[in-house]
C-alpha atoms as a PDB file:
ATOM      1  CA  MET A   1     -22.176  13.013  43.472  1.00  0.00           C
ATOM      2  CA  PRO A   2     -18.591  12.631  42.390  1.00  0.00           C
ATOM      3  CA  SER A   3     -17.879  12.141  38.888  1.00  0.00           C
ATOM      4  CA  CYS A   4     -15.672   8.359  37.374  1.00  0.00           C
ATOM      5  CA  ILE A   5     -12.002  10.279  36.779  1.00  0.00           C
ATOM      6  CA  VAL A   6     -12.103   8.507  32.955  1.00  0.00           C
ATOM      7  CA  CYS A   7     -15.498   8.785  31.987  1.00  0.00           C
ATOM      8  CA  HIS A   8     -16.772  12.119  33.976  1.00  0.00           C
ATOM      9  CA  LEU A   9     -20.042  10.973  34.353  1.00  0.00           C
ATOM     10  CA  ASN A  10     -21.408  11.732  37.926  1.00  0.00           C
ATOM     11  CA  ILE A  11     -20.730   8.177  40.456  1.00  0.00           C
ATOM     12  CA  VAL A  12     -24.596   7.139  41.855  1.00  0.00           C
ATOM     13  CA  GLU A  13     -23.347   5.869  45.195  1.00  0.00           C
ATOM     14  CA  SER A  14     -26.280   3.861  45.648  1.00  0.00           C
ATOM     15  CA  GLU A  15     -27.098   2.677  41.952  1.00  0.00           C
ATOM     16  CA  ASP A  16     -23.426   2.140  40.272  1.00  0.00           C
ATOM     17  CA  SER A  17     -20.508  -0.315  40.551  1.00  0.00           C
ATOM     18  CA  PHE A  18     -17.135   2.181  41.141  1.00  0.00           C
ATOM     19  CA  PHE A  19     -13.616   1.730  43.052  1.00  0.00           C
ATOM     20  CA  LYS A  20     -11.766   3.867  44.025  1.00  0.00           C
ATOM     21  CA  CYS A  21      -7.438   4.654  44.220  1.00  0.00           C
ATOM     22  CA  TYR A  22      -5.472   5.063  47.081  1.00  0.00           C
ATOM     23  CA  ASN A  23      -6.069   8.842  46.612  1.00  0.00           C
ATOM     24  CA  GLY A  24      -9.454   8.514  46.774  1.00  0.00           C
ATOM     25  CA  HIS A  25     -10.895   8.587  42.749  1.00  0.00           C
ATOM     26  CA  PRO A  26     -13.355   7.031  42.023  1.00  0.00           C
ATOM     27  CA  ILE A  27     -13.792   5.310  38.566  1.00  0.00           C
ATOM     28  CA  HIS A  28     -16.784   3.399  37.714  1.00  0.00           C
ATOM     29  CA  ARG A  29     -16.128  -0.652  37.060  1.00  0.00           C
ATOM     30  CA  ASP A  30     -16.122  -0.435  33.859  1.00  0.00           C
ATOM     31  CA  CYS A  31     -14.240   2.764  33.093  1.00  0.00           C
ATOM     32  CA  ILE A  32     -11.897   1.047  35.714  1.00  0.00           C
ATOM     33  CA  ALA A  33     -11.991  -2.454  33.542  1.00  0.00           C
ATOM     34  CA  GLU A  34     -11.081  -0.992  30.108  1.00  0.00           C
ATOM     35  CA  TRP A  35      -8.305   1.029  31.531  1.00  0.00           C
ATOM     36  CA  LEU A  36      -6.556  -1.983  33.403  1.00  0.00           C
ATOM     37  CA  LEU A  37      -6.015  -3.405  30.182  1.00  0.00           C
ATOM     38  CA  ASN A  38      -3.549  -0.210  29.265  1.00  0.00           C
ATOM     39  CA  SER A  39      -2.160   0.563  33.027  1.00  0.00           C
ATOM     40  CA  GLU A  40      -2.541  -1.015  36.323  1.00  0.00           C
ATOM     41  CA  ASN A  41      -2.136   3.198  38.116  1.00  0.00           C
ATOM     42  CA  CYS A  42      -4.901   5.208  38.617  1.00  0.00           C
ATOM     43  CA  PRO A  43      -5.194   7.691  35.396  1.00  0.00           C
ATOM     44  CA  LEU A  44      -5.626  10.947  37.462  1.00  0.00           C
ATOM     45  CA  CYS A  45      -2.700  10.912  40.362  1.00  0.00           C
ATOM     46  CA  ASN A  46      -1.023   7.528  38.832  1.00  0.00           C
ATOM     47  CA  GLU A  47      -0.357   5.440  42.296  1.00  0.00           C
ATOM     48  CA  PRO A  48      -0.681   1.812  41.683  1.00  0.00           C
ATOM     49  CA  TYR A  49      -3.980   0.167  42.157  1.00  0.00           C
ATOM     50  CA  SER A  50      -4.200  -2.452  44.842  1.00  0.00           C
ATOM     51  CA  GLN A  51      -3.028  -6.339  43.732  1.00  0.00           C
ATOM     52  CA  ASN A  52      -6.510  -7.048  45.445  1.00  0.00           C
ATOM     53  CA  LEU A  53      -8.786  -4.967  43.452  1.00  0.00           C
ATOM     54  CA  ILE A  54      -6.475  -5.461  40.150  1.00  0.00           C
ATOM     55  CA  ASP A  55      -7.220  -9.167  40.600  1.00  0.00           C
ATOM     56  CA  GLN A  56     -10.979  -8.914  40.433  1.00  0.00           C
ATOM     57  CA  PHE A  57     -10.580  -7.710  36.191  1.00  0.00           C
ATOM     58  CA  LYS A  58      -8.161 -10.714  35.907  1.00  0.00           C
ATOM     59  CA  ASP A  59     -10.638 -13.188  33.611  1.00  0.00           C
ATOM     60  CA  TYR A  60     -11.949  -9.306  31.616  1.00  0.00           C
ATOM     61  CA  ILE A  61      -8.154  -8.596  31.450  1.00  0.00           C
ATOM     62  CA  ASN A  62      -7.256 -12.212  30.225  1.00  0.00           C
ATOM     63  CA  GLU A  63     -10.391 -12.538  27.893  1.00  0.00           C
ATOM     64  CA  LYS A  64      -9.304  -8.657  25.910  1.00  0.00           C
ATOM     65  CA  GLU A  65      -5.662  -9.835  25.907  1.00  0.00           C
ATOM     66  CA  LYS A  66      -6.432 -13.826  23.957  1.00  0.00           C
ATOM     67  CA  GLU A  67      -9.179 -11.219  21.929  1.00  0.00           C
ATOM     68  CA  LYS A  68      -6.347  -9.087  21.232  1.00  0.00           C
ATOM     69  CA  GLN A  69      -4.109 -12.059  20.003  1.00  0.00           C
ATOM     70  CA  VAL A  70      -6.925 -13.322  18.103  1.00  0.00           C
ATOM     71  CA  ALA A  71      -7.258 -10.489  16.015  1.00  0.00           C
ATOM     72  CA  LEU A  72      -3.307 -10.225  15.734  1.00  0.00           C
ATOM     73  CA  GLU A  73      -3.193 -13.124  14.196  1.00  0.00           C
ATOM     74  CA  LYS A  74      -6.152 -12.610  11.655  1.00  0.00           C
ATOM     75  CA  GLN A  75      -4.578  -9.761  10.499  1.00  0.00           C
ATOM     76  CA  LEU A  76      -0.581 -11.793  10.240  1.00  0.00           C
ATOM     77  CA  GLN A  77      -2.613 -14.197   8.477  1.00  0.00           C
ATOM     78  CA  LYS A  78      -4.587 -11.890   5.551  1.00  0.00           C
ATOM     79  CA  GLU A  79      -1.279  -9.804   5.192  1.00  0.00           C
ATOM     80  CA  ALA A  80       0.543 -13.415   4.566  1.00  0.00           C
ATOM     81  CA  ILE A  81      -2.119 -14.112   1.862  1.00  0.00           C
ATOM     82  CA  LYS A  82      -1.589 -10.666   0.316  1.00  0.00           C
ATOM     83  CA  LYS A  83       2.000 -11.208  -0.047  1.00  0.00           C
ATOM     84  CA  ILE A  84       1.189 -14.434  -1.629  1.00  0.00           C
ATOM     85  CA  GLN A  85      -1.134 -12.954  -3.767  1.00  0.00           C
ATOM     86  CA  GLU A  86       1.195  -9.812  -5.127  1.00  0.00           C
ATOM     87  CA  ALA A  87       3.713 -12.216  -5.205  1.00  0.00           C
ATOM     88  CA  THR A  88       1.894 -14.974  -7.884  1.00  0.00           C
ATOM     89  CA  ASN A  89       0.318 -11.869  -9.979  1.00  0.00           C
ATOM     90  CA  ASN A  90       3.927 -11.113 -10.118  1.00  0.00           C
ATOM     91  CA  VAL A  91       4.895 -13.955 -11.531  1.00  0.00           C
ATOM     92  CA  VAL A  92       2.474 -14.335 -13.630  1.00  0.00           C
ATOM     93  CA  PHE A  93       2.200 -10.990 -14.997  1.00  0.00           C
ATOM     94  CA  LEU A  94       6.212 -11.153 -15.572  1.00  0.00           C
ATOM     95  CA  LYS A  95       5.106 -15.028 -18.103  1.00  0.00           C
ATOM     96  CA  PHE A  96       2.965 -11.990 -19.605  1.00  0.00           C
ATOM     97  CA  ILE A  97       5.901 -10.028 -20.767  1.00  0.00           C
ATOM     98  CA  GLU A  98       8.113 -12.430 -21.284  1.00  0.00           C
ATOM     99  CA  LYS A  99       5.667 -14.584 -23.761  1.00  0.00           C
ATOM    100  CA  THR A 100       4.889 -10.674 -25.560  1.00  0.00           C
ATOM    101  CA  LYS A 101       8.709 -10.254 -26.138  1.00  0.00           C
ATOM    102  CA  VAL A 102       8.544 -13.810 -27.427  1.00  0.00           C
ATOM    103  CA  LEU A 103       5.575 -12.180 -29.883  1.00  0.00           C
ATOM    104  CA  ILE A 104       7.573  -9.167 -30.304  1.00  0.00           C
ATOM    105  CA  LYS A 105      10.466 -11.475 -31.431  1.00  0.00           C
ATOM    106  CA  GLU A 106       8.781 -13.490 -33.801  1.00  0.00           C
ATOM    107  CA  GLU A 107       7.078  -9.326 -35.516  1.00  0.00           C
ATOM    108  CA  LYS A 108       4.209 -10.871 -34.433  1.00  0.00           C
ATOM    109  CA  TYR A 109       3.380  -7.363 -33.314  1.00  0.00           C
ATOM    110  CA  ASN A 110      -0.786  -6.819 -33.458  1.00  0.00           C
ATOM    111  CA  GLU A 111      -0.858  -9.298 -31.520  1.00  0.00           C
ATOM    112  CA  ALA A 112       1.254  -8.552 -29.094  1.00  0.00           C
ATOM    113  CA  ILE A 113      -0.575  -5.002 -29.542  1.00  0.00           C
ATOM    114  CA  GLU A 114      -3.661  -6.860 -28.423  1.00  0.00           C
ATOM    115  CA  LYS A 115      -2.097  -8.761 -25.702  1.00  0.00           C
ATOM    116  CA  LEU A 116      -0.460  -5.676 -23.571  1.00  0.00           C
ATOM    117  CA  LEU A 117      -3.252  -3.133 -24.028  1.00  0.00           C
ATOM    118  CA  ASP A 118      -5.778  -5.547 -22.813  1.00  0.00           C
ATOM    119  CA  HIS A 119      -3.366  -5.428 -19.965  1.00  0.00           C
ATOM    120  CA  TYR A 120      -2.910  -1.282 -19.365  1.00  0.00           C
ATOM    121  CA  ASN A 121      -4.639   0.432 -17.350  1.00  0.00           C
ATOM    122  CA  GLU A 122      -3.753   4.276 -17.970  1.00  0.00           C
ATOM    123  CA  GLU A 123      -5.076   5.731 -14.794  1.00  0.00           C
ATOM    124  CA  ASP A 124      -2.142   3.063 -13.350  1.00  0.00           C
ATOM    125  CA  ILE A 125       1.288   4.837 -12.763  1.00  0.00           C
ATOM    126  CA  GLU A 126       3.151   1.350 -10.623  1.00  0.00           C
ATOM    127  CA  LYS A 127       5.672  -0.425 -12.274  1.00  0.00           C
ATOM    128  CA  ARG A 128       3.589  -2.926 -14.464  1.00  0.00           C
ATOM    129  CA  ASN A 129       1.836  -0.452 -16.156  1.00  0.00           C
ATOM    130  CA  LEU A 130       4.563   1.582 -17.280  1.00  0.00           C
ATOM    131  CA  ASP A 131       6.576  -1.601 -18.319  1.00  0.00           C
ATOM    132  CA  ILE A 132       3.393  -1.944 -20.896  1.00  0.00           C
ATOM    133  CA  LEU A 133       3.876   1.562 -22.050  1.00  0.00           C
ATOM    134  CA  PHE A 134       7.302   0.898 -23.127  1.00  0.00           C
ATOM    135  CA  LEU A 135       6.607  -2.127 -24.779  1.00  0.00           C
ATOM    136  CA  LEU A 136       3.056  -0.249 -26.205  1.00  0.00           C
ATOM    137  CA  GLY A 137       5.938   2.051 -27.867  1.00  0.00           C
ATOM    138  CA  LYS A 138       8.509   0.003 -29.100  1.00  0.00           C
ATOM    139  CA  VAL A 139       6.036  -2.724 -30.828  1.00  0.00           C
ATOM    140  CA  ASN A 140       4.028   0.374 -32.324  1.00  0.00           C
ATOM    141  CA  TYR A 141       7.893   1.928 -33.386  1.00  0.00           C
ATOM    142  CA  LEU A 142       9.230  -1.519 -35.046  1.00  0.00           C
ATOM    143  CA  LYS A 143       6.298  -1.649 -36.956  1.00  0.00           C
ATOM    144  CA  GLY A 144       6.112   1.772 -38.493  1.00  0.00           C
ATOM    145  CA  ARG A 145       3.955   3.107 -36.106  1.00  0.00           C
ATOM    146  CA  TYR A 146       5.779   6.206 -35.187  1.00  0.00           C
ATOM    147  CA  ASP A 147       3.258   8.613 -34.463  1.00  0.00           C
ATOM    148  CA  MET A 148       1.331   5.721 -32.386  1.00  0.00           C
ATOM    149  CA  SER A 149       5.161   5.431 -30.572  1.00  0.00           C
ATOM    150  CA  ILE A 150       5.012   8.721 -29.632  1.00  0.00           C
ATOM    151  CA  ASN A 151       2.276   9.102 -28.111  1.00  0.00           C
ATOM    152  CA  PHE A 152       2.281   5.533 -26.089  1.00  0.00           C
ATOM    153  CA  LEU A 153       6.682   6.777 -24.867  1.00  0.00           C
ATOM    154  CA  PHE A 154       5.513  10.417 -23.862  1.00  0.00           C
ATOM    155  CA  LYS A 155       2.837   8.926 -21.525  1.00  0.00           C
ATOM    156  CA  LEU A 156       5.869   6.992 -19.950  1.00  0.00           C
ATOM    157  CA  VAL A 157       8.171   9.820 -19.648  1.00  0.00           C
ATOM    158  CA  LYS A 158       5.897  12.107 -18.572  1.00  0.00           C
ATOM    159  CA  ILE A 159       5.327   9.751 -15.021  1.00  0.00           C
ATOM    160  CA  LYS A 160       8.844   8.008 -14.758  1.00  0.00           C
ATOM    161  CA  TYR A 161      11.250  10.058 -16.528  1.00  0.00           C
ATOM    162  CA  ASP A 162      13.965   8.636 -15.967  1.00  0.00           C
ATOM    163  CA  TYR A 163      13.033   5.254 -17.785  1.00  0.00           C
ATOM    164  CA  PRO A 164      16.325   5.058 -20.463  1.00  0.00           C
ATOM    165  CA  ASP A 165      14.911   2.784 -23.056  1.00  0.00           C
ATOM    166  CA  GLY A 166      11.800   5.405 -23.261  1.00  0.00           C
ATOM    167  CA  PHE A 167      13.325   8.387 -23.931  1.00  0.00           C
ATOM    168  CA  LEU A 168      15.880   6.353 -26.617  1.00  0.00           C
ATOM    169  CA  TYR A 169      12.974   4.896 -28.408  1.00  0.00           C
ATOM    170  CA  LEU A 170      11.071   8.075 -28.081  1.00  0.00           C
ATOM    171  CA  GLY A 171      14.139   9.804 -29.260  1.00  0.00           C
ATOM    172  CA  LYS A 172      14.372   6.587 -32.819  1.00  0.00           C
ATOM    173  CA  SER A 173      10.992   7.918 -33.747  1.00  0.00           C
ATOM    174  CA  TYR A 174      11.444  11.497 -33.851  1.00  0.00           C
ATOM    175  CA  GLU A 175      13.345  10.530 -35.717  1.00  0.00           C
ATOM    176  CA  LYS A 176      11.694   8.922 -38.066  1.00  0.00           C
ATOM    177  CA  LEU A 177       9.491  11.226 -38.511  1.00  0.00           C
ATOM    178  CA  GLY A 178      12.476  13.772 -39.508  1.00  0.00           C
ATOM    179  CA  LEU A 179      11.272  15.935 -35.765  1.00  0.00           C
ATOM    180  CA  HIS A 180      14.986  16.209 -35.258  1.00  0.00           C
ATOM    181  CA  ASP A 181      15.363  18.989 -32.574  1.00  0.00           C
ATOM    182  CA  LYS A 182      12.234  16.590 -30.635  1.00  0.00           C
ATOM    183  CA  ALA A 183      14.940  13.837 -30.862  1.00  0.00           C
ATOM    184  CA  LYS A 184      17.812  15.400 -29.934  1.00  0.00           C
ATOM    185  CA  TRP A 185      16.044  16.156 -26.414  1.00  0.00           C
ATOM    186  CA  ALA A 186      14.803  12.808 -26.424  1.00  0.00           C
ATOM    187  CA  PHE A 187      18.478  11.243 -26.526  1.00  0.00           C
ATOM    188  CA  GLU A 188      19.783  14.216 -24.401  1.00  0.00           C
ATOM    189  CA  ARG A 189      17.727  11.756 -21.661  1.00  0.00           C
ATOM    190  CA  ILE A 190      19.125   8.888 -21.996  1.00  0.00           C
ATOM    191  CA  PRO A 191      21.806   8.910 -19.483  1.00  0.00           C
ATOM    192  CA  GLU A 192      25.584   7.832 -19.964  1.00  0.00           C
ATOM    193  CA  SER A 193      27.074   4.767 -19.294  1.00  0.00           C
ATOM    194  CA  LYS A 194      29.677   4.142 -16.691  1.00  0.00           C
END
């Protein structure tokens, strides 16, 4: 009893529908239908199947190609929607940052801190969250809460070591608390302007 060269299950000649390549390698009908989606050659000897055999599966192959195209189009639509959502979220975040900076400029520190804390997520290490950490550190510095400023800014520089303004306000906060060695350490980590 021969076995299918794709699935390796036995072929019962009186019950199973199967085909053979020019070299006589047997393959189930369902197996060859799937195989022809990828190749028109025998999986064992790599000899091409006859055009007559391939034509028998033309409708099946065309249907699968259409399904594949529909799936691809759906995937592209999902990706496009995701990009639009990301762009929208970025615009909304930038507006939020602008409004927060206006509050800081107007010295409405408590309101700015409240808004920033509403958007802050300690688990998140994306750039947005880092910008919020920086602003929380800066606002607390401007408010004279140097311990809180250090708390937020140290979290920031632990995640993103190359955040110059973070080190600047961290150094200023240490300085205000009389921790000159720590202030020097922070200031030394600010890259020099070229």
